Amino acid sequence: MTLKEPERCTSCNAILVERGFTRFPCPSCGTPIGRCWACRRRGNTYTCPSCGFTGP
């Protein structure tokens, strides 16, 4: 049996298990972006790993 790699925050690399995280497609290329509650609250920037798009 193979375990699935946990989804992580694109900004801080935290595992997305806490309440308040979100997932959305990159506005530029559609790659899934994950954001933890803390990074969303602080307004930390994220960078898409596929296309390099940077957002708030």
PDB file of N, CA and C in Angstrom:
ATOM      1  N   MET A   1       0.841  -1.180   0.000  1.00  0.00           N
ATOM      2  CA  MET A   1       0.000   0.000   0.000  1.00  0.00           C
ATOM      3  C   MET A   1       0.888   1.245   0.000  1.00  0.00           C
ATOM      4  N   THR A   2       0.605   2.182  -0.887  1.00  0.00           N
ATOM      5  CA  THR A   2       1.371   3.411  -0.997  1.00  0.00           C
ATOM      6  C   THR A   2       0.565   4.561  -0.407  1.00  0.00           C
ATOM      7  N   LEU A   3       1.211   5.342   0.448  1.00  0.00           N
ATOM      8  CA  LEU A   3       0.546   6.498   1.034  1.00  0.00           C
ATOM      9  C   LEU A   3       0.673   7.695   0.110  1.00  0.00           C
ATOM     10  N   LYS A   4      -0.367   8.493   0.054  1.00  0.00           N
ATOM     11  CA  LYS A   4      -0.369   9.692  -0.768  1.00  0.00           C
ATOM     12  C   LYS A   4       0.411  10.795  -0.052  1.00  0.00           C
ATOM     13  N   GLU A   5       1.218  11.524  -0.800  1.00  0.00           N
ATOM     14  CA  GLU A   5       1.965  12.661  -0.256  1.00  0.00           C
ATOM     15  C   GLU A   5       0.964  13.722   0.201  1.00  0.00           C
ATOM     16  N   PRO A   6       1.111  14.260   1.431  1.00  0.00           N
ATOM     17  CA  PRO A   6       0.157  15.269   1.901  1.00  0.00           C
ATOM     18  C   PRO A   6       0.275  16.563   1.099  1.00  0.00           C
ATOM     19  N   GLU A   7      -0.850  17.230   0.920  1.00  0.00           N
ATOM     20  CA  GLU A   7      -0.845  18.512   0.222  1.00  0.00           C
ATOM     21  C   GLU A   7      -0.236  19.565   1.136  1.00  0.00           C
ATOM     22  N   ARG A   8       0.557  20.462   0.554  1.00  0.00           N
ATOM     23  CA  ARG A   8       1.277  21.464   1.341  1.00  0.00           C
ATOM     24  C   ARG A   8       0.967  22.878   0.862  1.00  0.00           C
ATOM     25  N   CYS A   9       1.159  23.831   1.776  1.00  0.00           N
ATOM     26  CA  CYS A   9       0.984  25.245   1.464  1.00  0.00           C
ATOM     27  C   CYS A   9       2.059  25.667   0.466  1.00  0.00           C
ATOM     28  N   THR A  10       1.652  26.362  -0.579  1.00  0.00           N
ATOM     29  CA  THR A  10       2.584  26.814  -1.598  1.00  0.00           C
ATOM     30  C   THR A  10       3.533  27.874  -1.046  1.00  0.00           C
ATOM     31  N   SER A  11       3.116  28.635  -0.028  1.00  0.00           N
ATOM     32  CA  SER A  11       3.952  29.699   0.531  1.00  0.00           C
ATOM     33  C   SER A  11       4.943  29.200   1.576  1.00  0.00           C
ATOM     34  N   CYS A  12       4.465  28.428   2.565  1.00  0.00           N
ATOM     35  CA  CYS A  12       5.321  28.063   3.704  1.00  0.00           C
ATOM     36  C   CYS A  12       5.607  26.572   3.813  1.00  0.00           C
ATOM     37  N   ASN A  13       5.001  25.769   2.955  1.00  0.00           N
ATOM     38  CA  ASN A  13       5.213  24.319   2.916  1.00  0.00           C
ATOM     39  C   ASN A  13       4.583  23.562   4.088  1.00  0.00           C
ATOM     40  N   ALA A  14       3.683  24.203   4.837  1.00  0.00           N
ATOM     41  CA  ALA A  14       2.977  23.523   5.926  1.00  0.00           C
ATOM     42  C   ALA A  14       1.990  22.518   5.339  1.00  0.00           C
ATOM     43  N   ILE A  15       1.762  21.419   6.041  1.00  0.00           N
ATOM     44  CA  ILE A  15       0.773  20.435   5.607  1.00  0.00           C
ATOM     45  C   ILE A  15      -0.620  21.042   5.781  1.00  0.00           C
ATOM     46  N   LEU A  16      -1.455  20.914   4.767  1.00  0.00           N
ATOM     47  CA  LEU A  16      -2.783  21.532   4.779  1.00  0.00           C
ATOM     48  C   LEU A  16      -3.798  20.620   5.451  1.00  0.00           C
ATOM     49  N   VAL A  17      -3.842  20.684   6.773  1.00  0.00           N
ATOM     50  CA  VAL A  17      -4.803  19.898   7.536  1.00  0.00           C
ATOM     51  C   VAL A  17      -5.639  20.769   8.465  1.00  0.00           C
ATOM     52  N   GLU A  18      -5.167  21.968   8.787  1.00  0.00           N
ATOM     53  CA  GLU A  18      -5.892  22.831   9.713  1.00  0.00           C
ATOM     54  C   GLU A  18      -7.096  23.469   9.039  1.00  0.00           C
ATOM     55  N   ARG A  19      -8.032  23.833   9.847  1.00  0.00           N
ATOM     56  CA  ARG A  19      -9.218  24.524   9.369  1.00  0.00           C
ATOM     57  C   ARG A  19      -8.816  25.883   8.777  1.00  0.00           C
ATOM     58  N   GLY A  20      -9.438  26.259   7.689  1.00  0.00           N
ATOM     59  CA  GLY A  20      -9.196  27.569   7.093  1.00  0.00           C
ATOM     60  C   GLY A  20      -8.262  27.570   5.892  1.00  0.00           C
ATOM     61  N   PHE A  21      -7.735  26.402   5.507  1.00  0.00           N
ATOM     62  CA  PHE A  21      -6.889  26.389   4.315  1.00  0.00           C
ATOM     63  C   PHE A  21      -7.766  26.429   3.068  1.00  0.00           C
ATOM     64  N   THR A  22      -7.152  26.734   1.937  1.00  0.00           N
ATOM     65  CA  THR A  22      -7.899  26.794   0.682  1.00  0.00           C
ATOM     66  C   THR A  22      -7.078  26.213  -0.458  1.00  0.00           C
ATOM     67  N   ARG A  23      -7.775  25.793  -1.492  1.00  0.00           N
ATOM     68  CA  ARG A  23      -7.161  25.339  -2.745  1.00  0.00           C
ATOM     69  C   ARG A  23      -7.846  26.095  -3.869  1.00  0.00           C
ATOM     70  N   PHE A  24      -7.066  26.514  -4.849  1.00  0.00           N
ATOM     71  CA  PHE A  24      -7.633  27.193  -6.008  1.00  0.00           C
ATOM     72  C   PHE A  24      -6.683  27.029  -7.187  1.00  0.00           C
ATOM     73  N   PRO A  25      -7.176  27.161  -8.416  1.00  0.00           N
ATOM     74  CA  PRO A  25      -6.297  27.041  -9.576  1.00  0.00           C
ATOM     75  C   PRO A  25      -5.473  28.313  -9.768  1.00  0.00           C
ATOM     76  N   CYS A  26      -4.248  28.154 -10.215  1.00  0.00           N
ATOM     77  CA  CYS A  26      -3.402  29.302 -10.542  1.00  0.00           C
ATOM     78  C   CYS A  26      -4.131  30.146 -11.584  1.00  0.00           C
ATOM     79  N   PRO A  27      -4.200  31.467 -11.389  1.00  0.00           N
ATOM     80  CA  PRO A  27      -4.893  32.325 -12.352  1.00  0.00           C
ATOM     81  C   PRO A  27      -4.257  32.312 -13.745  1.00  0.00           C
ATOM     82  N   SER A  28      -2.994  31.945 -13.814  1.00  0.00           N
ATOM     83  CA  SER A  28      -2.291  31.962 -15.090  1.00  0.00           C
ATOM     84  C   SER A  28      -2.352  30.631 -15.839  1.00  0.00           C
ATOM     85  N   CYS A  29      -2.087  29.507 -15.121  1.00  0.00           N
ATOM     86  CA  CYS A  29      -1.981  28.219 -15.825  1.00  0.00           C
ATOM     87  C   CYS A  29      -2.946  27.140 -15.336  1.00  0.00           C
ATOM     88  N   GLY A  30      -3.621  27.358 -14.200  1.00  0.00           N
ATOM     89  CA  GLY A  30      -4.593  26.394 -13.707  1.00  0.00           C
ATOM     90  C   GLY A  30      -4.049  25.334 -12.766  1.00  0.00           C
ATOM     91  N   THR A  31      -2.742  25.334 -12.489  1.00  0.00           N
ATOM     92  CA  THR A  31      -2.157  24.379 -11.547  1.00  0.00           C
ATOM     93  C   THR A  31      -2.753  24.612 -10.160  1.00  0.00           C
ATOM     94  N   PRO A  32      -3.121  23.559  -9.417  1.00  0.00           N
ATOM     95  CA  PRO A  32      -3.683  23.753  -8.076  1.00  0.00           C
ATOM     96  C   PRO A  32      -2.685  24.432  -7.128  1.00  0.00           C
ATOM     97  N   ILE A  33      -3.171  25.441  -6.412  1.00  0.00           N
ATOM     98  CA  ILE A  33      -2.396  26.173  -5.410  1.00  0.00           C
ATOM     99  C   ILE A  33      -3.054  25.907  -4.065  1.00  0.00           C
ATOM    100  N   GLY A  34      -2.263  25.570  -3.049  1.00  0.00           N
ATOM    101  CA  GLY A  34      -2.771  25.368  -1.699  1.00  0.00           C
ATOM    102  C   GLY A  34      -2.235  26.451  -0.784  1.00  0.00           C
ATOM    103  N   ARG A  35      -3.104  26.984   0.078  1.00  0.00           N
ATOM    104  CA  ARG A  35      -2.692  28.046   0.999  1.00  0.00           C
ATOM    105  C   ARG A  35      -3.202  27.725   2.398  1.00  0.00           C
ATOM    106  N   CYS A  36      -2.313  27.797   3.392  1.00  0.00           N
ATOM    107  CA  CYS A  36      -2.722  27.562   4.775  1.00  0.00           C
ATOM    108  C   CYS A  36      -3.391  28.813   5.339  1.00  0.00           C
ATOM    109  N   TRP A  37      -4.058  28.644   6.463  1.00  0.00           N
ATOM    110  CA  TRP A  37      -4.777  29.740   7.107  1.00  0.00           C
ATOM    111  C   TRP A  37      -3.831  30.875   7.475  1.00  0.00           C
ATOM    112  N   ALA A  38      -2.669  30.548   8.018  1.00  0.00           N
ATOM    113  CA  ALA A  38      -1.734  31.581   8.480  1.00  0.00           C
ATOM    114  C   ALA A  38      -1.226  32.433   7.318  1.00  0.00           C
ATOM    115  N   CYS A  39      -0.849  31.813   6.216  1.00  0.00           N
ATOM    116  CA  CYS A  39      -0.352  32.572   5.063  1.00  0.00           C
ATOM    117  C   CYS A  39      -1.456  33.411   4.436  1.00  0.00           C
ATOM    118  N   ARG A  40      -2.660  32.901   4.421  1.00  0.00           N
ATOM    119  CA  ARG A  40      -3.789  33.679   3.906  1.00  0.00           C
ATOM    120  C   ARG A  40      -4.021  34.900   4.784  1.00  0.00           C
ATOM    121  N   ARG A  41      -3.999  34.717   6.077  1.00  0.00           N
ATOM    122  CA  ARG A  41      -4.257  35.806   7.020  1.00  0.00           C
ATOM    123  C   ARG A  41      -3.183  36.881   6.940  1.00  0.00           C
ATOM    124  N   ARG A  42      -1.928  36.456   6.818  1.00  0.00           N
ATOM    125  CA  ARG A  42      -0.796  37.395   6.762  1.00  0.00           C
ATOM    126  C   ARG A  42      -0.612  38.029   5.387  1.00  0.00           C
ATOM    127  N   GLY A  43      -1.250  37.459   4.378  1.00  0.00           N
ATOM    128  CA  GLY A  43      -1.091  37.981   3.024  1.00  0.00           C
ATOM    129  C   GLY A  43       0.247  37.622   2.402  1.00  0.00           C
ATOM    130  N   ASN A  44       0.831  36.498   2.850  1.00  0.00           N
ATOM    131  CA  ASN A  44       2.106  36.051   2.288  1.00  0.00           C
ATOM    132  C   ASN A  44       1.940  35.754   0.803  1.00  0.00           C
ATOM    133  N   THR A  45       2.953  36.073   0.033  1.00  0.00           N
ATOM    134  CA  THR A  45       2.887  35.804  -1.399  1.00  0.00           C
ATOM    135  C   THR A  45       3.097  34.324  -1.679  1.00  0.00           C
ATOM    136  N   TYR A  46       2.618  33.891  -2.824  1.00  0.00           N
ATOM    137  CA  TYR A  46       2.843  32.522  -3.287  1.00  0.00           C
ATOM    138  C   TYR A  46       3.364  32.592  -4.714  1.00  0.00           C
ATOM    139  N   THR A  47       4.085  31.566  -5.121  1.00  0.00           N
ATOM    140  CA  THR A  47       4.588  31.457  -6.488  1.00  0.00           C
ATOM    141  C   THR A  47       4.177  30.105  -7.043  1.00  0.00           C
ATOM    142  N   CYS A  48       3.530  30.115  -8.186  1.00  0.00           N
ATOM    143  CA  CYS A  48       3.102  28.873  -8.823  1.00  0.00           C
ATOM    144  C   CYS A  48       4.336  28.067  -9.218  1.00  0.00           C
ATOM    145  N   PRO A  49       4.394  26.791  -8.820  1.00  0.00           N
ATOM    146  CA  PRO A  49       5.560  25.973  -9.156  1.00  0.00           C
ATOM    147  C   PRO A  49       5.657  25.643 -10.644  1.00  0.00           C
ATOM    148  N   SER A  50       4.561  25.786 -11.379  1.00  0.00           N
ATOM    149  CA  SER A  50       4.568  25.448 -12.807  1.00  0.00           C
ATOM    150  C   SER A  50       4.942  26.620 -13.708  1.00  0.00           C
ATOM    151  N   CYS A  51       4.321  27.785 -13.472  1.00  0.00           N
ATOM    152  CA  CYS A  51       4.522  28.908 -14.401  1.00  0.00           C
ATOM    153  C   CYS A  51       5.237  30.111 -13.789  1.00  0.00           C
ATOM    154  N   GLY A  52       5.395  30.127 -12.447  1.00  0.00           N
ATOM    155  CA  GLY A  52       6.092  31.237 -11.797  1.00  0.00           C
ATOM    156  C   GLY A  52       5.212  32.424 -11.459  1.00  0.00           C
ATOM    157  N   PHE A  53       3.900  32.336 -11.718  1.00  0.00           N
ATOM    158  CA  PHE A  53       2.984  33.422 -11.358  1.00  0.00           C
ATOM    159  C   PHE A  53       3.079  33.688  -9.863  1.00  0.00           C
ATOM    160  N   THR A  54       3.139  34.956  -9.463  1.00  0.00           N
ATOM    161  CA  THR A  54       3.209  35.328  -8.051  1.00  0.00           C
ATOM    162  C   THR A  54       1.951  36.090  -7.674  1.00  0.00           C
ATOM    163  N   GLY A  55       1.376  35.714  -6.539  1.00  0.00           N
ATOM    164  CA  GLY A  55       0.157  36.369  -6.078  1.00  0.00           C
ATOM    165  C   GLY A  55       0.208  36.642  -4.586  1.00  0.00           C
ATOM    166  N   PRO A  56      -0.757  37.390  -4.107  1.00  0.00           N
ATOM    167  CA  PRO A  56      -0.786  37.767  -2.686  1.00  0.00           C
ATOM    168  C   PRO A  56      -1.199  36.656  -1.760  1.00  0.00           C
TER     169      PRO A  56
END
